[in-house]
Amino acid sequence: MEQTIETVINLMAASAIAAPKAGGKDCLNIVAITGGDDLKRIADEMRQYAHNSSKENYWHRDATNTEGAQGLLLIGLNGAVTAGYDCGGCGYRTCVEFEKERELKDFEMGYSGPHCIMRMMDIGVALSSAAKAASMLNIDNRVQQRVGAAVRALGYIECEVAMGIPISISGKSIFYDRKTPSKASLAEKADK
């Protein structure tokens, strides 16, 4: 199965690379991870982030999915770059005005911002293309936002914003009946 996971991850990466991008300019960074130790390390980092969020239980749920996966594809925005469309989606009249006036900030939960809306759509299209590639092969997968904070903090990907797609090959999808721990059960664990 190890070779199959690597093949699937590589096909997903190829789909993300070939996905359409605003202005035909590729501003994405794509990283494939297939090592179980790396997935455990990322899941542990997600659990560390959990206590900073009002959605702590969802961080734990997604960490369990990441740890149980056999591979993870990361897709991130490689720099704070605009598409040059002057669309106004960022809240500024022109891209030049946005680049000049914005104050790029890093946020505790793992991202920087604000960013060009077209570049955020580029990430979405690349994620969708990669997830579809896995799905066409009947490989279980799930797009995750929370994994992005952990992989950026751990240095697995150099980017401004990252998301990931864990994949799994098993008799039952680990992403289907996902159990979200209650806040009370998390509080009990913390007290022990």
C-alpha atoms as a PDB file:
ATOM      1  CA  MET A   1       0.000   0.000   0.000  1.00  0.00           C
ATOM      2  CA  GLU A   2       2.910   2.356   0.583  1.00  0.00           C
ATOM      3  CA  GLN A   3       3.666   2.570  -3.142  1.00  0.00           C
ATOM      4  CA  THR A   4      -0.035   3.067  -3.911  1.00  0.00           C
ATOM      5  CA  ILE A   5      -0.242   5.969  -1.433  1.00  0.00           C
ATOM      6  CA  GLU A   6       2.813   7.609  -3.024  1.00  0.00           C
ATOM      7  CA  THR A   7       1.339   7.177  -6.508  1.00  0.00           C
ATOM      8  CA  VAL A   8      -2.012   8.652  -5.447  1.00  0.00           C
ATOM      9  CA  ILE A   9      -0.345  11.620  -3.687  1.00  0.00           C
ATOM     10  CA  ASN A  10       1.757  12.294  -6.793  1.00  0.00           C
ATOM     11  CA  LEU A  11      -1.324  12.170  -9.050  1.00  0.00           C
ATOM     12  CA  MET A  12      -3.112  14.546  -6.684  1.00  0.00           C
ATOM     13  CA  ALA A  13      -0.128  16.925  -6.760  1.00  0.00           C
ATOM     14  CA  ALA A  14      -0.109  16.791 -10.566  1.00  0.00           C
ATOM     15  CA  SER A  15      -3.822  17.670 -10.617  1.00  0.00           C
ATOM     16  CA  ALA A  16      -3.233  20.603  -8.256  1.00  0.00           C
ATOM     17  CA  ILE A  17      -0.302  21.864 -10.327  1.00  0.00           C
ATOM     18  CA  ALA A  18      -2.336  21.647 -13.563  1.00  0.00           C
ATOM     19  CA  ALA A  19      -5.434  23.297 -12.032  1.00  0.00           C
ATOM     20  CA  PRO A  20      -6.396  26.638 -13.634  1.00  0.00           C
ATOM     21  CA  LYS A  21      -5.013  29.713 -11.870  1.00  0.00           C
ATOM     22  CA  ALA A  22      -5.890  33.403 -12.144  1.00  0.00           C
ATOM     23  CA  GLY A  23      -3.952  35.000 -14.968  1.00  0.00           C
ATOM     24  CA  GLY A  24      -2.195  31.701 -15.632  1.00  0.00           C
ATOM     25  CA  LYS A  25       0.325  32.525 -12.898  1.00  0.00           C
ATOM     26  CA  ASP A  26       1.266  29.729 -10.512  1.00  0.00           C
ATOM     27  CA  CYS A  27       1.660  31.076  -6.981  1.00  0.00           C
ATOM     28  CA  LEU A  28       1.111  27.797  -5.145  1.00  0.00           C
ATOM     29  CA  ASN A  29       3.482  25.635  -3.148  1.00  0.00           C
ATOM     30  CA  ILE A  30       2.600  21.922  -3.098  1.00  0.00           C
ATOM     31  CA  VAL A  31       4.125  19.364  -0.730  1.00  0.00           C
ATOM     32  CA  ALA A  32       3.401  15.634  -0.393  1.00  0.00           C
ATOM     33  CA  ILE A  33       3.858  13.805   2.928  1.00  0.00           C
ATOM     34  CA  THR A  34       3.626  10.033   3.243  1.00  0.00           C
ATOM     35  CA  GLY A  35       5.564   9.270   6.419  1.00  0.00           C
ATOM     36  CA  GLY A  36       3.588   8.019   9.414  1.00  0.00           C
ATOM     37  CA  ASP A  37       5.966   9.767  11.839  1.00  0.00           C
ATOM     38  CA  ASP A  38       5.390  13.070  10.036  1.00  0.00           C
ATOM     39  CA  LEU A  39       1.603  12.617  10.141  1.00  0.00           C
ATOM     40  CA  LYS A  40       1.756  11.882  13.898  1.00  0.00           C
ATOM     41  CA  ARG A  41       3.922  14.970  14.481  1.00  0.00           C
ATOM     42  CA  ILE A  42       1.464  17.147  12.526  1.00  0.00           C
ATOM     43  CA  ALA A  43      -1.518  15.686  14.431  1.00  0.00           C
ATOM     44  CA  ASP A  44       0.214  16.387  17.756  1.00  0.00           C
ATOM     45  CA  GLU A  45       0.813  19.994  16.682  1.00  0.00           C
ATOM     46  CA  MET A  46      -2.870  20.308  15.758  1.00  0.00           C
ATOM     47  CA  ARG A  47      -3.785  19.155  19.269  1.00  0.00           C
ATOM     48  CA  GLN A  48      -1.465  21.831  20.675  1.00  0.00           C
ATOM     49  CA  TYR A  49      -3.268  24.485  18.647  1.00  0.00           C
ATOM     50  CA  ALA A  50      -6.668  23.214  19.778  1.00  0.00           C
ATOM     51  CA  HIS A  51      -6.705  24.968  23.144  1.00  0.00           C
ATOM     52  CA  ASN A  52      -6.372  28.358  21.388  1.00  0.00           C
ATOM     53  CA  SER A  53      -9.610  27.864  19.478  1.00  0.00           C
ATOM     54  CA  SER A  54     -13.269  28.167  20.409  1.00  0.00           C
ATOM     55  CA  LYS A  55     -13.666  25.058  18.206  1.00  0.00           C
ATOM     56  CA  GLU A  56     -11.170  22.960  20.191  1.00  0.00           C
ATOM     57  CA  ASN A  57     -13.093  19.730  19.729  1.00  0.00           C
ATOM     58  CA  TYR A  58     -12.940  20.046  15.916  1.00  0.00           C
ATOM     59  CA  TRP A  59      -9.158  20.439  16.041  1.00  0.00           C
ATOM     60  CA  HIS A  60      -8.941  17.159  17.957  1.00  0.00           C
ATOM     61  CA  ARG A  61     -11.269  15.456  15.472  1.00  0.00           C
ATOM     62  CA  ASP A  62      -9.187  16.615  12.496  1.00  0.00           C
ATOM     63  CA  ALA A  63      -5.943  15.678  14.282  1.00  0.00           C
ATOM     64  CA  THR A  64      -7.282  12.125  14.678  1.00  0.00           C
ATOM     65  CA  ASN A  65      -8.015  12.028  10.914  1.00  0.00           C
ATOM     66  CA  THR A  66      -4.523  13.286  10.072  1.00  0.00           C
ATOM     67  CA  GLU A  67      -2.883  10.767  12.369  1.00  0.00           C
ATOM     68  CA  GLY A  68      -4.960   7.920  10.917  1.00  0.00           C
ATOM     69  CA  ALA A  69      -4.206   8.841   7.299  1.00  0.00           C
ATOM     70  CA  GLN A  70      -1.411   7.327   5.224  1.00  0.00           C
ATOM     71  CA  GLY A  71      -0.650  10.448   3.192  1.00  0.00           C
ATOM     72  CA  LEU A  72      -1.193  14.200   3.188  1.00  0.00           C
ATOM     73  CA  LEU A  73      -1.064  16.670   0.299  1.00  0.00           C
ATOM     74  CA  LEU A  74      -0.408  20.289   1.278  1.00  0.00           C
ATOM     75  CA  ILE A  75      -1.323  23.245  -0.905  1.00  0.00           C
ATOM     76  CA  GLY A  76      -0.320  26.763   0.071  1.00  0.00           C
ATOM     77  CA  LEU A  77      -0.120  30.305  -1.277  1.00  0.00           C
ATOM     78  CA  ASN A  78       3.531  30.997  -2.011  1.00  0.00           C
ATOM     79  CA  GLY A  79       3.747  34.688  -1.074  1.00  0.00           C
ATOM     80  CA  ALA A  80       1.370  37.600  -0.702  1.00  0.00           C
ATOM     81  CA  VAL A  81       0.813  38.182  -4.411  1.00  0.00           C
ATOM     82  CA  THR A  82      -2.179  39.647  -6.243  1.00  0.00           C
ATOM     83  CA  ALA A  83      -3.680  38.515  -9.531  1.00  0.00           C
ATOM     84  CA  GLY A  84      -3.683  42.001 -11.066  1.00  0.00           C
ATOM     85  CA  TYR A  85      -7.398  41.975 -11.959  1.00  0.00           C
ATOM     86  CA  ASP A  86      -8.466  45.096  -9.995  1.00  0.00           C
ATOM     87  CA  CYS A  87     -11.660  43.176  -9.112  1.00  0.00           C
ATOM     88  CA  GLY A  88     -12.228  44.791  -5.693  1.00  0.00           C
ATOM     89  CA  GLY A  89     -12.804  41.443  -3.975  1.00  0.00           C
ATOM     90  CA  CYS A  90     -10.148  42.326  -1.377  1.00  0.00           C
ATOM     91  CA  GLY A  91     -11.961  45.530  -0.443  1.00  0.00           C
ATOM     92  CA  TYR A  92      -9.596  47.844  -2.333  1.00  0.00           C
ATOM     93  CA  ARG A  93     -10.297  49.521  -5.672  1.00  0.00           C
ATOM     94  CA  THR A  94      -7.122  48.263  -7.376  1.00  0.00           C
ATOM     95  CA  CYS A  95      -4.490  45.601  -6.816  1.00  0.00           C
ATOM     96  CA  VAL A  96      -1.809  48.300  -6.554  1.00  0.00           C
ATOM     97  CA  GLU A  97      -3.827  50.045  -3.834  1.00  0.00           C
ATOM     98  CA  PHE A  98      -4.267  46.717  -1.986  1.00  0.00           C
ATOM     99  CA  GLU A  99      -0.536  45.939  -2.167  1.00  0.00           C
ATOM    100  CA  LYS A 100       0.346  49.441  -0.985  1.00  0.00           C
ATOM    101  CA  GLU A 101      -2.230  49.797   1.818  1.00  0.00           C
ATOM    102  CA  ARG A 102      -2.657  46.311   3.277  1.00  0.00           C
ATOM    103  CA  GLU A 103      -0.943  45.351   6.486  1.00  0.00           C
ATOM    104  CA  LEU A 104       0.037  41.690   6.235  1.00  0.00           C
ATOM    105  CA  LYS A 105      -0.340  40.075   9.663  1.00  0.00           C
ATOM    106  CA  ASP A 106       0.357  36.600  11.003  1.00  0.00           C
ATOM    107  CA  PHE A 107      -2.473  35.236  13.094  1.00  0.00           C
ATOM    108  CA  GLU A 108      -2.190  32.828  16.013  1.00  0.00           C
ATOM    109  CA  MET A 109      -4.243  30.130  14.336  1.00  0.00           C
ATOM    110  CA  GLY A 110      -1.719  29.657  11.563  1.00  0.00           C
ATOM    111  CA  TYR A 111      -2.394  32.032   8.687  1.00  0.00           C
ATOM    112  CA  SER A 112      -1.375  35.436   7.494  1.00  0.00           C
ATOM    113  CA  GLY A 113      -3.654  37.895   5.776  1.00  0.00           C
ATOM    114  CA  PRO A 114      -5.312  39.664   4.096  1.00  0.00           C
ATOM    115  CA  HIS A 115      -4.775  38.109   0.665  1.00  0.00           C
ATOM    116  CA  CYS A 116      -6.002  38.531  -2.880  1.00  0.00           C
ATOM    117  CA  ILE A 117      -9.390  36.806  -3.298  1.00  0.00           C
ATOM    118  CA  MET A 118      -8.309  35.427  -6.679  1.00  0.00           C
ATOM    119  CA  ARG A 119      -5.301  33.715  -5.073  1.00  0.00           C
ATOM    120  CA  MET A 120      -7.564  32.207  -2.409  1.00  0.00           C
ATOM    121  CA  MET A 121      -9.731  30.853  -5.228  1.00  0.00           C
ATOM    122  CA  ASP A 122      -6.575  29.412  -6.819  1.00  0.00           C
ATOM    123  CA  ILE A 123      -6.005  27.395  -3.636  1.00  0.00           C
ATOM    124  CA  GLY A 124      -9.639  26.240  -3.672  1.00  0.00           C
ATOM    125  CA  VAL A 125      -9.499  25.095  -7.296  1.00  0.00           C
ATOM    126  CA  ALA A 126      -6.197  23.275  -6.726  1.00  0.00           C
ATOM    127  CA  LEU A 127      -7.609  21.560  -3.615  1.00  0.00           C
ATOM    128  CA  SER A 128     -10.734  20.535  -5.524  1.00  0.00           C
ATOM    129  CA  SER A 129      -8.686  19.181  -8.425  1.00  0.00           C
ATOM    130  CA  ALA A 130      -6.466  17.149  -6.097  1.00  0.00           C
ATOM    131  CA  ALA A 131      -9.418  15.795  -4.082  1.00  0.00           C
ATOM    132  CA  LYS A 132     -11.165  14.823  -7.323  1.00  0.00           C
ATOM    133  CA  ALA A 133      -8.064  12.966  -8.514  1.00  0.00           C
ATOM    134  CA  ALA A 134      -8.084  10.869  -5.324  1.00  0.00           C
ATOM    135  CA  SER A 135     -11.838  10.390  -5.525  1.00  0.00           C
ATOM    136  CA  MET A 136     -11.656   9.151  -9.123  1.00  0.00           C
ATOM    137  CA  LEU A 137      -9.334   6.424  -7.822  1.00  0.00           C
ATOM    138  CA  ASN A 138     -11.798   5.647  -4.982  1.00  0.00           C
ATOM    139  CA  ILE A 139      -9.253   6.798  -2.391  1.00  0.00           C
ATOM    140  CA  ASP A 140     -10.810   8.297   0.743  1.00  0.00           C
ATOM    141  CA  ASN A 141      -9.833  11.920   1.330  1.00  0.00           C
ATOM    142  CA  ARG A 142     -10.989  15.087   3.026  1.00  0.00           C
ATOM    143  CA  VAL A 143      -9.951  18.715   2.556  1.00  0.00           C
ATOM    144  CA  GLN A 144      -8.842  20.144   5.902  1.00  0.00           C
ATOM    145  CA  GLN A 145      -8.239  23.751   6.846  1.00  0.00           C
ATOM    146  CA  ARG A 146      -6.914  23.168  10.370  1.00  0.00           C
ATOM    147  CA  VAL A 147      -3.942  21.070   9.251  1.00  0.00           C
ATOM    148  CA  GLY A 148      -2.551  24.189   7.549  1.00  0.00           C
ATOM    149  CA  ALA A 149      -1.705  25.891  10.837  1.00  0.00           C
ATOM    150  CA  ALA A 150       0.278  22.899  12.060  1.00  0.00           C
ATOM    151  CA  VAL A 151       2.256  22.323   8.860  1.00  0.00           C
ATOM    152  CA  ARG A 152       3.223  25.993   8.625  1.00  0.00           C
ATOM    153  CA  ALA A 153       4.316  26.072  12.271  1.00  0.00           C
ATOM    154  CA  LEU A 154       6.382  22.907  11.845  1.00  0.00           C
ATOM    155  CA  GLY A 155       8.002  24.132   8.612  1.00  0.00           C
ATOM    156  CA  TYR A 156       6.637  21.434   6.304  1.00  0.00           C
ATOM    157  CA  ILE A 157       5.579  24.101   3.803  1.00  0.00           C
ATOM    158  CA  GLU A 158       6.751  27.648   3.153  1.00  0.00           C
ATOM    159  CA  CYS A 159       3.668  29.716   2.409  1.00  0.00           C
ATOM    160  CA  GLU A 160       1.252  32.344   3.672  1.00  0.00           C
ATOM    161  CA  VAL A 161      -1.877  30.154   3.812  1.00  0.00           C
ATOM    162  CA  ALA A 162      -2.007  26.344   3.667  1.00  0.00           C
ATOM    163  CA  MET A 163      -4.626  23.639   3.570  1.00  0.00           C
ATOM    164  CA  GLY A 164      -4.252  19.907   3.288  1.00  0.00           C
ATOM    165  CA  ILE A 165      -5.895  16.752   2.042  1.00  0.00           C
ATOM    166  CA  PRO A 166      -5.218  13.622   4.085  1.00  0.00           C
ATOM    167  CA  ILE A 167      -5.823  10.338   2.252  1.00  0.00           C
ATOM    168  CA  SER A 168      -6.550   6.875   3.532  1.00  0.00           C
ATOM    169  CA  ILE A 169      -6.952   3.382   2.159  1.00  0.00           C
ATOM    170  CA  SER A 170      -8.962   1.185   4.510  1.00  0.00           C
ATOM    171  CA  GLY A 171     -12.082  -0.941   4.633  1.00  0.00           C
ATOM    172  CA  LYS A 172     -14.121   2.034   5.896  1.00  0.00           C
ATOM    173  CA  SER A 173     -13.435   5.701   5.335  1.00  0.00           C
ATOM    174  CA  ILE A 174     -11.889   7.348   8.396  1.00  0.00           C
ATOM    175  CA  PHE A 175     -13.353  10.644   7.140  1.00  0.00           C
ATOM    176  CA  TYR A 176     -16.999   9.528   7.010  1.00  0.00           C
ATOM    177  CA  ASP A 177     -18.295   8.923  10.559  1.00  0.00           C
ATOM    178  CA  ARG A 178     -15.876  11.333  12.170  1.00  0.00           C
ATOM    179  CA  LYS A 179     -16.282  11.472  15.932  1.00  0.00           C
ATOM    180  CA  THR A 180     -15.990  14.956  17.366  1.00  0.00           C
ATOM    181  CA  PRO A 181     -15.109  14.788  21.071  1.00  0.00           C
ATOM    182  CA  SER A 182     -17.331  16.851  23.331  1.00  0.00           C
ATOM    183  CA  LYS A 183     -15.869  19.846  25.117  1.00  0.00           C
ATOM    184  CA  ALA A 184     -16.660  18.092  28.407  1.00  0.00           C
ATOM    185  CA  SER A 185     -14.601  15.008  27.465  1.00  0.00           C
ATOM    186  CA  LEU A 186     -11.693  17.235  26.435  1.00  0.00           C
ATOM    187  CA  ALA A 187     -11.912  19.070  29.758  1.00  0.00           C
ATOM    188  CA  GLU A 188     -11.846  15.719  31.602  1.00  0.00           C
ATOM    189  CA  LYS A 189      -8.693  14.659  29.731  1.00  0.00           C
ATOM    190  CA  ALA A 190      -7.034  17.980  30.514  1.00  0.00           C
ATOM    191  CA  ASP A 191      -7.792  17.573  34.239  1.00  0.00           C
ATOM    192  CA  LYS A 192      -6.122  14.153  34.365  1.00  0.00           C
END
